[in-house]
Amino acid sequence: MVDLRASIDEHSCWSIGHGRNVHAWTNCWIAPGLCITNLDVVILAAMINVTVAELVDAAGSWNWLILQD
């Protein structure tokens, strides 16, 4: 069996959609290969399981209140 996942990931993109299934810190949703956990960023324990949907408000803008906590 051939593992094509790396090749497919390199040559594809995906849509965030509603963002409820996209983990904000470990999924590469900002740019190909870029996960927040790969950066030198402190993630508060209370936000460790946050999805992209939780980081935006109903209008799709950044929810600055949750990001400032």
PDB file of N, CA and C in Angstrom:
ATOM      1  N   MET A   1       0.842  -1.180   0.000  1.00  0.00           N
ATOM      2  CA  MET A   1       0.000   0.000   0.000  1.00  0.00           C
ATOM      3  C   MET A   1       0.893   1.251   0.000  1.00  0.00           C
ATOM      4  N   VAL A   2       0.556   2.201  -0.814  1.00  0.00           N
ATOM      5  CA  VAL A   2       1.311   3.434  -0.936  1.00  0.00           C
ATOM      6  C   VAL A   2       0.655   4.507  -0.081  1.00  0.00           C
ATOM      7  N   ASP A   3       1.465   5.234   0.701  1.00  0.00           N
ATOM      8  CA  ASP A   3       0.929   6.327   1.524  1.00  0.00           C
ATOM      9  C   ASP A   3       1.068   7.633   0.757  1.00  0.00           C
ATOM     10  N   LEU A   4      -0.035   8.129   0.267  1.00  0.00           N
ATOM     11  CA  LEU A   4      -0.040   9.347  -0.534  1.00  0.00           C
ATOM     12  C   LEU A   4      -0.410  10.588   0.265  1.00  0.00           C
ATOM     13  N   ARG A   5      -0.637  10.441   1.558  1.00  0.00           N
ATOM     14  CA  ARG A   5      -1.117  11.563   2.374  1.00  0.00           C
ATOM     15  C   ARG A   5      -0.219  12.799   2.261  1.00  0.00           C
ATOM     16  N   ALA A   6       1.092  12.631   2.373  1.00  0.00           N
ATOM     17  CA  ALA A   6       2.004  13.785   2.310  1.00  0.00           C
ATOM     18  C   ALA A   6       1.901  14.482   0.959  1.00  0.00           C
ATOM     19  N   SER A   7       1.843  13.713  -0.116  1.00  0.00           N
ATOM     20  CA  SER A   7       1.744  14.298  -1.451  1.00  0.00           C
ATOM     21  C   SER A   7       0.409  15.013  -1.642  1.00  0.00           C
ATOM     22  N   ILE A   8      -0.656  14.404  -1.157  1.00  0.00           N
ATOM     23  CA  ILE A   8      -1.973  15.032  -1.275  1.00  0.00           C
ATOM     24  C   ILE A   8      -2.015  16.312  -0.445  1.00  0.00           C
ATOM     25  N   ASP A   9      -1.506  16.264   0.784  1.00  0.00           N
ATOM     26  CA  ASP A   9      -1.485  17.450   1.637  1.00  0.00           C
ATOM     27  C   ASP A   9      -0.694  18.585   0.998  1.00  0.00           C
ATOM     28  N   GLU A  10       0.408  18.254   0.345  1.00  0.00           N
ATOM     29  CA  GLU A  10       1.265  19.270  -0.271  1.00  0.00           C
ATOM     30  C   GLU A  10       0.593  19.951  -1.455  1.00  0.00           C
ATOM     31  N   HIS A  11      -0.265  19.253  -2.152  1.00  0.00           N
ATOM     32  CA  HIS A  11      -0.857  19.775  -3.383  1.00  0.00           C
ATOM     33  C   HIS A  11      -2.361  20.021  -3.293  1.00  0.00           C
ATOM     34  N   SER A  12      -2.848  20.158  -2.089  1.00  0.00           N
ATOM     35  CA  SER A  12      -4.281  20.398  -1.939  1.00  0.00           C
ATOM     36  C   SER A  12      -4.525  21.515  -0.931  1.00  0.00           C
ATOM     37  N   CYS A  13      -5.736  21.936  -0.870  1.00  0.00           N
ATOM     38  CA  CYS A  13      -6.129  22.902   0.144  1.00  0.00           C
ATOM     39  C   CYS A  13      -7.496  22.492   0.652  1.00  0.00           C
ATOM     40  N   TRP A  14      -7.882  23.010   1.766  1.00  0.00           N
ATOM     41  CA  TRP A  14      -9.185  22.664   2.294  1.00  0.00           C
ATOM     42  C   TRP A  14      -9.854  23.905   2.810  1.00  0.00           C
ATOM     43  N   SER A  15     -11.137  23.835   2.857  1.00  0.00           N
ATOM     44  CA  SER A  15     -11.950  24.961   3.281  1.00  0.00           C
ATOM     45  C   SER A  15     -12.284  24.833   4.759  1.00  0.00           C
ATOM     46  N   ILE A  16     -12.206  25.925   5.471  1.00  0.00           N
ATOM     47  CA  ILE A  16     -12.540  25.925   6.896  1.00  0.00           C
ATOM     48  C   ILE A  16     -14.016  25.606   7.094  1.00  0.00           C
ATOM     49  N   GLY A  17     -14.863  26.093   6.201  1.00  0.00           N
ATOM     50  CA  GLY A  17     -16.300  25.879   6.368  1.00  0.00           C
ATOM     51  C   GLY A  17     -16.786  26.534   7.649  1.00  0.00           C
ATOM     52  N   HIS A  18     -17.554  25.823   8.441  1.00  0.00           N
ATOM     53  CA  HIS A  18     -18.076  26.386   9.697  1.00  0.00           C
ATOM     54  C   HIS A  18     -17.011  26.408  10.791  1.00  0.00           C
ATOM     55  N   GLY A  19     -15.921  25.679  10.637  1.00  0.00           N
ATOM     56  CA  GLY A  19     -14.803  25.717  11.581  1.00  0.00           C
ATOM     57  C   GLY A  19     -14.984  24.924  12.861  1.00  0.00           C
ATOM     58  N   ARG A  20     -16.107  24.246  13.004  1.00  0.00           N
ATOM     59  CA  ARG A  20     -16.350  23.492  14.242  1.00  0.00           C
ATOM     60  C   ARG A  20     -15.499  22.232  14.347  1.00  0.00           C
ATOM     61  N   ASN A  21     -14.957  21.768  13.230  1.00  0.00           N
ATOM     62  CA  ASN A  21     -14.132  20.564  13.234  1.00  0.00           C
ATOM     63  C   ASN A  21     -12.654  20.863  13.003  1.00  0.00           C
ATOM     64  N   VAL A  22     -12.297  22.140  13.034  1.00  0.00           N
ATOM     65  CA  VAL A  22     -10.912  22.547  12.781  1.00  0.00           C
ATOM     66  C   VAL A  22     -10.291  23.005  14.094  1.00  0.00           C
ATOM     67  N   HIS A  23      -9.336  22.231  14.593  1.00  0.00           N
ATOM     68  CA  HIS A  23      -8.660  22.584  15.839  1.00  0.00           C
ATOM     69  C   HIS A  23      -7.778  23.808  15.594  1.00  0.00           C
ATOM     70  N   ALA A  24      -7.955  24.835  16.387  1.00  0.00           N
ATOM     71  CA  ALA A  24      -7.280  26.121  16.160  1.00  0.00           C
ATOM     72  C   ALA A  24      -5.763  26.041  16.257  1.00  0.00           C
ATOM     73  N   TRP A  25      -5.243  25.138  17.068  1.00  0.00           N
ATOM     74  CA  TRP A  25      -3.802  25.145  17.334  1.00  0.00           C
ATOM     75  C   TRP A  25      -3.036  24.052  16.602  1.00  0.00           C
ATOM     76  N   THR A  26      -3.638  22.899  16.365  1.00  0.00           N
ATOM     77  CA  THR A  26      -2.888  21.788  15.775  1.00  0.00           C
ATOM     78  C   THR A  26      -3.194  21.530  14.304  1.00  0.00           C
ATOM     79  N   ASN A  27      -4.293  22.058  13.785  1.00  0.00           N
ATOM     80  CA  ASN A  27      -4.575  21.910  12.353  1.00  0.00           C
ATOM     81  C   ASN A  27      -3.899  23.032  11.577  1.00  0.00           C
ATOM     82  N   CYS A  28      -3.431  22.726  10.392  1.00  0.00           N
ATOM     83  CA  CYS A  28      -2.765  23.715   9.533  1.00  0.00           C
ATOM     84  C   CYS A  28      -3.816  24.427   8.692  1.00  0.00           C
ATOM     85  N   TRP A  29      -4.453  25.430   9.276  1.00  0.00           N
ATOM     86  CA  TRP A  29      -5.546  26.131   8.595  1.00  0.00           C
ATOM     87  C   TRP A  29      -5.170  27.549   8.171  1.00  0.00           C
ATOM     88  N   ILE A  30      -4.054  28.048   8.634  1.00  0.00           N
ATOM     89  CA  ILE A  30      -3.635  29.419   8.304  1.00  0.00           C
ATOM     90  C   ILE A  30      -2.876  29.433   6.977  1.00  0.00           C
ATOM     91  N   ALA A  31      -1.951  28.509   6.846  1.00  0.00           N
ATOM     92  CA  ALA A  31      -1.148  28.361   5.634  1.00  0.00           C
ATOM     93  C   ALA A  31      -0.687  26.907   5.568  1.00  0.00           C
ATOM     94  N   PRO A  32      -0.380  26.404   4.381  1.00  0.00           N
ATOM     95  CA  PRO A  32       0.066  25.015   4.278  1.00  0.00           C
ATOM     96  C   PRO A  32       1.261  24.741   5.197  1.00  0.00           C
ATOM     97  N   GLY A  33       1.141  23.722   6.012  1.00  0.00           N
ATOM     98  CA  GLY A  33       2.222  23.321   6.906  1.00  0.00           C
ATOM     99  C   GLY A  33       2.385  24.172   8.146  1.00  0.00           C
ATOM    100  N   LEU A  34       1.558  25.206   8.327  1.00  0.00           N
ATOM    101  CA  LEU A  34       1.703  26.096   9.480  1.00  0.00           C
ATOM    102  C   LEU A  34       0.653  25.800  10.544  1.00  0.00           C
ATOM    103  N   CYS A  35       1.110  25.282  11.652  1.00  0.00           N
ATOM    104  CA  CYS A  35       0.252  25.048  12.817  1.00  0.00           C
ATOM    105  C   CYS A  35       0.722  25.987  13.924  1.00  0.00           C
ATOM    106  N   ILE A  36      -0.199  26.514  14.673  1.00  0.00           N
ATOM    107  CA  ILE A  36       0.156  27.424  15.765  1.00  0.00           C
ATOM    108  C   ILE A  36       1.095  26.741  16.759  1.00  0.00           C
ATOM    109  N   THR A  37       0.895  25.439  16.985  1.00  0.00           N
ATOM    110  CA  THR A  37       1.756  24.728  17.938  1.00  0.00           C
ATOM    111  C   THR A  37       3.206  24.656  17.469  1.00  0.00           C
ATOM    112  N   ASN A  38       3.476  24.926  16.194  1.00  0.00           N
ATOM    113  CA  ASN A  38       4.852  24.945  15.692  1.00  0.00           C
ATOM    114  C   ASN A  38       5.549  26.278  15.973  1.00  0.00           C
ATOM    115  N   LEU A  39       4.793  27.257  16.430  1.00  0.00           N
ATOM    116  CA  LEU A  39       5.334  28.585  16.711  1.00  0.00           C
ATOM    117  C   LEU A  39       5.630  28.714  18.197  1.00  0.00           C
ATOM    118  N   ASP A  40       6.369  29.712  18.556  1.00  0.00           N
ATOM    119  CA  ASP A  40       6.703  29.961  19.961  1.00  0.00           C
ATOM    120  C   ASP A  40       5.582  30.787  20.590  1.00  0.00           C
ATOM    121  N   VAL A  41       4.443  30.122  20.846  1.00  0.00           N
ATOM    122  CA  VAL A  41       3.256  30.789  21.354  1.00  0.00           C
ATOM    123  C   VAL A  41       2.761  30.035  22.587  1.00  0.00           C
ATOM    124  N   VAL A  42       2.399  30.775  23.601  1.00  0.00           N
ATOM    125  CA  VAL A  42       1.825  30.169  24.799  1.00  0.00           C
ATOM    126  C   VAL A  42       0.315  30.075  24.611  1.00  0.00           C
ATOM    127  N   ILE A  43      -0.214  28.880  24.748  1.00  0.00           N
ATOM    128  CA  ILE A  43      -1.653  28.660  24.629  1.00  0.00           C
ATOM    129  C   ILE A  43      -2.184  28.391  26.032  1.00  0.00           C
ATOM    130  N   LEU A  44      -3.121  29.217  26.466  1.00  0.00           N
ATOM    131  CA  LEU A  44      -3.697  29.054  27.787  1.00  0.00           C
ATOM    132  C   LEU A  44      -4.398  27.710  27.903  1.00  0.00           C
ATOM    133  N   ALA A  45      -4.308  27.076  29.066  1.00  0.00           N
ATOM    134  CA  ALA A  45      -4.920  25.770  29.288  1.00  0.00           C
ATOM    135  C   ALA A  45      -6.414  25.781  28.985  1.00  0.00           C
ATOM    136  N   ALA A  46      -7.088  26.874  29.302  1.00  0.00           N
ATOM    137  CA  ALA A  46      -8.525  26.979  29.069  1.00  0.00           C
ATOM    138  C   ALA A  46      -8.865  27.012  27.580  1.00  0.00           C
ATOM    139  N   MET A  47      -7.880  27.294  26.728  1.00  0.00           N
ATOM    140  CA  MET A  47      -8.130  27.406  25.289  1.00  0.00           C
ATOM    141  C   MET A  47      -7.499  26.272  24.489  1.00  0.00           C
ATOM    142  N   ILE A  48      -6.985  25.266  25.152  1.00  0.00           N
ATOM    143  CA  ILE A  48      -6.235  24.213  24.464  1.00  0.00           C
ATOM    144  C   ILE A  48      -7.071  23.426  23.451  1.00  0.00           C
ATOM    145  N   ASN A  49      -8.364  23.300  23.663  1.00  0.00           N
ATOM    146  CA  ASN A  49      -9.217  22.528  22.752  1.00  0.00           C
ATOM    147  C   ASN A  49     -10.126  23.399  21.894  1.00  0.00           C
ATOM    148  N   VAL A  50      -9.772  24.651  21.699  1.00  0.00           N
ATOM    149  CA  VAL A  50     -10.586  25.605  20.949  1.00  0.00           C
ATOM    150  C   VAL A  50     -10.569  25.272  19.452  1.00  0.00           C
ATOM    151  N   THR A  51     -11.732  25.424  18.834  1.00  0.00           N
ATOM    152  CA  THR A  51     -11.823  25.265  17.380  1.00  0.00           C
ATOM    153  C   THR A  51     -11.811  26.648  16.727  1.00  0.00           C
ATOM    154  N   VAL A  52     -11.592  26.668  15.433  1.00  0.00           N
ATOM    155  CA  VAL A  52     -11.593  27.932  14.697  1.00  0.00           C
ATOM    156  C   VAL A  52     -12.944  28.628  14.850  1.00  0.00           C
ATOM    157  N   ALA A  53     -14.023  27.865  14.869  1.00  0.00           N
ATOM    158  CA  ALA A  53     -15.372  28.448  15.010  1.00  0.00           C
ATOM    159  C   ALA A  53     -15.497  29.256  16.292  1.00  0.00           C
ATOM    160  N   GLU A  54     -14.810  28.856  17.332  1.00  0.00           N
ATOM    161  CA  GLU A  54     -14.890  29.563  18.609  1.00  0.00           C
ATOM    162  C   GLU A  54     -14.071  30.851  18.625  1.00  0.00           C
ATOM    163  N   LEU A  55     -13.200  31.020  17.659  1.00  0.00           N
ATOM    164  CA  LEU A  55     -12.358  32.219  17.600  1.00  0.00           C
ATOM    165  C   LEU A  55     -12.989  33.364  16.815  1.00  0.00           C
ATOM    166  N   VAL A  56     -14.119  33.088  16.187  1.00  0.00           N
ATOM    167  CA  VAL A  56     -14.801  34.129  15.420  1.00  0.00           C
ATOM    168  C   VAL A  56     -16.205  34.341  15.965  1.00  0.00           C
ATOM    169  N   ASP A  57     -16.756  35.523  15.682  1.00  0.00           N
ATOM    170  CA  ASP A  57     -18.114  35.819  16.129  1.00  0.00           C
ATOM    171  C   ASP A  57     -19.115  35.410  15.048  1.00  0.00           C
ATOM    172  N   ALA A  58     -20.383  35.698  15.266  1.00  0.00           N
ATOM    173  CA  ALA A  58     -21.449  35.294  14.348  1.00  0.00           C
ATOM    174  C   ALA A  58     -21.284  35.903  12.953  1.00  0.00           C
ATOM    175  N   ALA A  59     -20.611  37.044  12.865  1.00  0.00           N
ATOM    176  CA  ALA A  59     -20.399  37.710  11.575  1.00  0.00           C
ATOM    177  C   ALA A  59     -19.149  37.193  10.857  1.00  0.00           C
ATOM    178  N   GLY A  60     -18.380  36.303  11.509  1.00  0.00           N
ATOM    179  CA  GLY A  60     -17.160  35.777  10.898  1.00  0.00           C
ATOM    180  C   GLY A  60     -15.927  36.605  11.175  1.00  0.00           C
ATOM    181  N   SER A  61     -16.042  37.609  12.040  1.00  0.00           N
ATOM    182  CA  SER A  61     -14.889  38.430  12.417  1.00  0.00           C
ATOM    183  C   SER A  61     -14.213  37.803  13.642  1.00  0.00           C
ATOM    184  N   TRP A  62     -12.957  38.134  13.853  1.00  0.00           N
ATOM    185  CA  TRP A  62     -12.260  37.616  15.034  1.00  0.00           C
ATOM    186  C   TRP A  62     -13.007  38.015  16.298  1.00  0.00           C
ATOM    187  N   ASN A  63     -13.151  37.083  17.204  1.00  0.00           N
ATOM    188  CA  ASN A  63     -13.762  37.324  18.502  1.00  0.00           C
ATOM    189  C   ASN A  63     -12.652  37.795  19.444  1.00  0.00           C
ATOM    190  N   TRP A  64     -12.379  39.078  19.421  1.00  0.00           N
ATOM    191  CA  TRP A  64     -11.254  39.630  20.190  1.00  0.00           C
ATOM    192  C   TRP A  64     -11.429  39.438  21.688  1.00  0.00           C
ATOM    193  N   LEU A  65     -12.666  39.322  22.163  1.00  0.00           N
ATOM    194  CA  LEU A  65     -12.882  39.112  23.602  1.00  0.00           C
ATOM    195  C   LEU A  65     -12.290  37.778  24.055  1.00  0.00           C
ATOM    196  N   ILE A  66     -12.514  36.703  23.309  1.00  0.00           N
ATOM    197  CA  ILE A  66     -11.968  35.412  23.687  1.00  0.00           C
ATOM    198  C   ILE A  66     -10.454  35.384  23.491  1.00  0.00           C
ATOM    199  N   LEU A  67      -9.966  36.094  22.494  1.00  0.00           N
ATOM    200  CA  LEU A  67      -8.532  36.106  22.216  1.00  0.00           C
ATOM    201  C   LEU A  67      -7.728  36.907  23.228  1.00  0.00           C
ATOM    202  N   GLN A  68      -8.379  37.813  23.941  1.00  0.00           N
ATOM    203  CA  GLN A  68      -7.671  38.638  24.919  1.00  0.00           C
ATOM    204  C   GLN A  68      -7.604  38.017  26.297  1.00  0.00           C
ATOM    205  N   ASP A  69      -8.399  36.973  26.558  1.00  0.00           N
ATOM    206  CA  ASP A  69      -8.422  36.364  27.884  1.00  0.00           C
ATOM    207  C   ASP A  69      -7.137  35.692  28.249  1.00  0.00           C
TER     208      ASP A  69
END
